[in-house]
Amino acid sequence: MRTLQGMRMNVDYMMEQIRTNAINDTFEKFKKADRHYYETSEGGSEVTKLIKELEALGANMEYITEVDLQIRDEVCGL
């Protein structure tokens, strides 16, 4: 027997899964665009757009910044 509370919990779970998948997909795009930006100095607006999307999705921005700095260090040889 399904209850309203059980269905709400299912919806909440599904919404969180969708949000998590969106963060993961956007994060992969961000890493690729960020690396391209540091290698070529092109595509800064794309990186900015992806950062704003990640922020709107509620991603951990401290982690995003750490990854950005790691990519910069790898590309620049630091």
N, C-alpha and C. Protein backbone atom coordinates (compact mmCIF):
# COMPACT_ATOMS: atom_id res chain seq x y z
N MET A 1 0.84 -1.18 0.00
CA MET A 1 0.00 0.00 0.00
C MET A 1 0.89 1.25 0.00
N ARG A 2 0.63 2.12 -0.91
CA ARG A 2 1.40 3.36 -1.03
C ARG A 2 0.73 4.47 -0.24
N THR A 3 1.56 5.19 0.48
CA THR A 3 1.04 6.33 1.22
C THR A 3 1.53 7.60 0.55
N LEU A 4 0.87 8.68 0.86
CA LEU A 4 1.27 9.97 0.32
C LEU A 4 2.68 10.31 0.78
N GLN A 5 2.99 10.02 2.03
CA GLN A 5 4.32 10.29 2.56
C GLN A 5 5.37 9.46 1.82
N GLY A 6 5.07 8.21 1.54
CA GLY A 6 5.99 7.35 0.81
C GLY A 6 6.23 7.86 -0.61
N MET A 7 5.17 8.32 -1.26
CA MET A 7 5.31 8.85 -2.61
C MET A 7 6.13 10.14 -2.60
N ARG A 8 5.94 10.98 -1.59
CA ARG A 8 6.72 12.22 -1.48
C ARG A 8 8.20 11.90 -1.27
N MET A 9 8.46 10.89 -0.47
CA MET A 9 9.86 10.49 -0.24
C MET A 9 10.48 10.00 -1.55
N ASN A 10 9.72 9.25 -2.34
CA ASN A 10 10.21 8.79 -3.65
C ASN A 10 10.50 9.96 -4.57
N VAL A 11 9.61 10.93 -4.59
CA VAL A 11 9.80 12.12 -5.43
C VAL A 11 11.04 12.89 -4.97
N ASP A 12 11.19 13.07 -3.66
CA ASP A 12 12.36 13.77 -3.12
C ASP A 12 13.64 13.04 -3.50
N TYR A 13 13.63 11.72 -3.40
CA TYR A 13 14.80 10.93 -3.76
C TYR A 13 15.12 11.08 -5.25
N MET A 14 14.11 11.00 -6.09
CA MET A 14 14.32 11.13 -7.53
C MET A 14 14.83 12.52 -7.88
N MET A 15 14.30 13.54 -7.24
CA MET A 15 14.75 14.91 -7.51
C MET A 15 16.21 15.08 -7.09
N GLU A 16 16.60 14.50 -5.98
CA GLU A 16 17.99 14.58 -5.54
C GLU A 16 18.92 13.84 -6.50
N GLN A 17 18.45 12.71 -7.02
CA GLN A 17 19.24 11.96 -8.00
C GLN A 17 19.41 12.78 -9.29
N ILE A 18 18.37 13.44 -9.72
CA ILE A 18 18.44 14.27 -10.92
C ILE A 18 19.41 15.42 -10.70
N ARG A 19 19.35 16.05 -9.51
CA ARG A 19 20.26 17.15 -9.19
C ARG A 19 21.70 16.67 -9.14
N THR A 20 21.93 15.52 -8.53
CA THR A 20 23.28 14.95 -8.45
C THR A 20 23.82 14.63 -9.84
N ASN A 21 22.99 14.05 -10.69
CA ASN A 21 23.42 13.75 -12.06
C ASN A 21 23.73 15.03 -12.83
N ALA A 22 22.93 16.06 -12.64
CA ALA A 22 23.17 17.34 -13.31
C ALA A 22 24.48 17.95 -12.84
N ILE A 23 24.75 17.88 -11.54
CA ILE A 23 26.02 18.39 -11.02
C ILE A 23 27.19 17.63 -11.62
N ASN A 24 27.10 16.30 -11.63
CA ASN A 24 28.19 15.49 -12.17
C ASN A 24 28.44 15.78 -13.65
N ASP A 25 27.37 15.88 -14.44
CA ASP A 25 27.52 16.16 -15.87
C ASP A 25 28.13 17.55 -16.09
N THR A 26 27.63 18.53 -15.37
CA THR A 26 28.14 19.90 -15.51
C THR A 26 29.58 19.99 -15.03
N PHE A 27 29.91 19.26 -13.97
CA PHE A 27 31.27 19.26 -13.44
C PHE A 27 32.26 18.69 -14.47
N GLU A 28 31.87 17.63 -15.16
CA GLU A 28 32.75 17.07 -16.20
C GLU A 28 32.95 18.07 -17.34
N LYS A 29 31.88 18.75 -17.73
CA LYS A 29 32.00 19.78 -18.76
C LYS A 29 32.91 20.91 -18.28
N PHE A 30 32.76 21.29 -17.00
CA PHE A 30 33.59 22.34 -16.43
C PHE A 30 35.07 21.97 -16.48
N LYS A 31 35.40 20.75 -16.08
CA LYS A 31 36.80 20.34 -16.06
C LYS A 31 37.40 20.39 -17.47
N LYS A 32 36.64 19.94 -18.45
CA LYS A 32 37.12 19.95 -19.83
C LYS A 32 37.30 21.39 -20.33
N ALA A 33 36.31 22.25 -20.07
CA ALA A 33 36.38 23.65 -20.52
C ALA A 33 37.48 24.40 -19.77
N ASP A 34 37.65 24.10 -18.49
CA ASP A 34 38.66 24.77 -17.68
C ASP A 34 40.06 24.43 -18.19
N ARG A 35 40.29 23.15 -18.48
CA ARG A 35 41.58 22.73 -19.01
C ARG A 35 41.85 23.42 -20.35
N HIS A 36 40.83 23.47 -21.22
CA HIS A 36 40.97 24.13 -22.52
C HIS A 36 41.30 25.61 -22.32
N TYR A 37 40.64 26.24 -21.35
CA TYR A 37 40.89 27.66 -21.09
C TYR A 37 42.35 27.88 -20.67
N TYR A 38 42.85 27.08 -19.76
CA TYR A 38 44.23 27.26 -19.30
C TYR A 38 45.25 26.92 -20.37
N GLU A 39 44.90 26.01 -21.27
CA GLU A 39 45.83 25.64 -22.34
C GLU A 39 45.86 26.67 -23.46
N THR A 40 44.72 27.31 -23.75
CA THR A 40 44.63 28.17 -24.93
C THR A 40 44.24 29.62 -24.62
N SER A 41 43.85 29.92 -23.42
CA SER A 41 43.31 31.23 -23.03
C SER A 41 42.04 31.57 -23.80
N GLU A 42 41.32 30.57 -24.25
CA GLU A 42 40.05 30.76 -24.97
C GLU A 42 38.94 30.04 -24.20
N GLY A 43 37.77 30.58 -24.25
CA GLY A 43 36.61 29.92 -23.65
C GLY A 43 36.36 30.29 -22.20
N GLY A 44 36.85 31.43 -21.78
CA GLY A 44 36.62 31.87 -20.40
C GLY A 44 35.15 32.06 -20.08
N SER A 45 34.38 32.51 -21.06
CA SER A 45 32.94 32.73 -20.82
C SER A 45 32.22 31.39 -20.60
N GLU A 46 32.67 30.35 -21.28
CA GLU A 46 32.08 29.02 -21.09
C GLU A 46 32.37 28.51 -19.67
N VAL A 47 33.59 28.71 -19.20
CA VAL A 47 33.95 28.29 -17.85
C VAL A 47 33.10 29.05 -16.83
N THR A 48 32.96 30.35 -17.02
CA THR A 48 32.15 31.16 -16.12
C THR A 48 30.70 30.69 -16.10
N LYS A 49 30.16 30.39 -17.27
CA LYS A 49 28.78 29.91 -17.37
C LYS A 49 28.62 28.60 -16.61
N LEU A 50 29.57 27.69 -16.76
CA LEU A 50 29.48 26.40 -16.07
C LEU A 50 29.63 26.55 -14.56
N ILE A 51 30.47 27.48 -14.12
CA ILE A 51 30.61 27.74 -12.69
C ILE A 51 29.28 28.24 -12.13
N LYS A 52 28.62 29.14 -12.85
CA LYS A 52 27.33 29.66 -12.39
C LYS A 52 26.28 28.56 -12.35
N GLU A 53 26.31 27.65 -13.32
CA GLU A 53 25.38 26.52 -13.32
C GLU A 53 25.62 25.62 -12.11
N LEU A 54 26.90 25.34 -11.83
CA LEU A 54 27.23 24.51 -10.68
C LEU A 54 26.77 25.17 -9.38
N GLU A 55 26.96 26.46 -9.30
CA GLU A 55 26.54 27.19 -8.11
C GLU A 55 25.02 27.13 -7.94
N ALA A 56 24.30 27.30 -9.05
CA ALA A 56 22.84 27.25 -9.00
C ALA A 56 22.33 25.86 -8.62
N LEU A 57 23.07 24.82 -9.00
CA LEU A 57 22.69 23.45 -8.67
C LEU A 57 23.04 23.09 -7.22
N GLY A 58 23.81 23.95 -6.57
CA GLY A 58 24.15 23.70 -5.18
C GLY A 58 25.40 22.86 -5.00
N ALA A 59 26.29 22.89 -5.99
CA ALA A 59 27.54 22.14 -5.88
C ALA A 59 28.44 22.76 -4.82
N ASN A 60 29.37 21.98 -4.32
CA ASN A 60 30.34 22.46 -3.33
C ASN A 60 31.35 23.34 -4.05
N MET A 61 31.22 24.65 -3.88
CA MET A 61 32.05 25.59 -4.62
C MET A 61 33.50 25.58 -4.14
N GLU A 62 33.74 25.21 -2.90
CA GLU A 62 35.13 25.09 -2.44
C GLU A 62 35.84 23.98 -3.21
N TYR A 63 35.15 22.88 -3.43
CA TYR A 63 35.72 21.77 -4.18
C TYR A 63 35.96 22.18 -5.64
N ILE A 64 35.01 22.89 -6.22
CA ILE A 64 35.15 23.36 -7.61
C ILE A 64 36.38 24.25 -7.73
N THR A 65 36.58 25.13 -6.77
CA THR A 65 37.75 26.02 -6.77
C THR A 65 39.04 25.22 -6.65
N GLU A 66 39.05 24.21 -5.79
CA GLU A 66 40.24 23.36 -5.64
C GLU A 66 40.58 22.66 -6.95
N VAL A 67 39.56 22.13 -7.62
CA VAL A 67 39.78 21.44 -8.90
C VAL A 67 40.30 22.43 -9.94
N ASP A 68 39.74 23.62 -9.95
CA ASP A 68 40.20 24.66 -10.88
C ASP A 68 41.68 24.94 -10.66
N LEU A 69 42.08 25.10 -9.41
CA LEU A 69 43.48 25.38 -9.11
C LEU A 69 44.39 24.20 -9.46
N GLN A 70 43.92 22.98 -9.26
CA GLN A 70 44.69 21.80 -9.64
C GLN A 70 44.91 21.75 -11.15
N ILE A 71 43.86 22.02 -11.90
CA ILE A 71 43.97 22.02 -13.36
C ILE A 71 44.94 23.11 -13.80
N ARG A 72 44.82 24.29 -13.22
CA ARG A 72 45.74 25.39 -13.55
C ARG A 72 47.18 24.99 -13.28
N ASP A 73 47.42 24.39 -12.12
CA ASP A 73 48.77 23.98 -11.76
C ASP A 73 49.31 22.91 -12.71
N GLU A 74 48.47 21.95 -13.10
CA GLU A 74 48.88 20.90 -14.03
C GLU A 74 49.25 21.50 -15.38
N VAL A 75 48.39 22.36 -15.89
CA VAL A 75 48.63 22.93 -17.22
C VAL A 75 49.83 23.88 -17.22
N CYS A 76 49.96 24.66 -16.17
CA CYS A 76 51.04 25.65 -16.11
C CYS A 76 52.35 25.05 -15.58
N GLY A 77 52.30 23.80 -15.18
CA GLY A 77 53.51 23.14 -14.72
C GLY A 77 54.00 23.58 -13.36
N LEU A 78 53.08 23.94 -12.48
CA LEU A 78 53.47 24.37 -11.13
C LEU A 78 53.49 23.22 -10.18
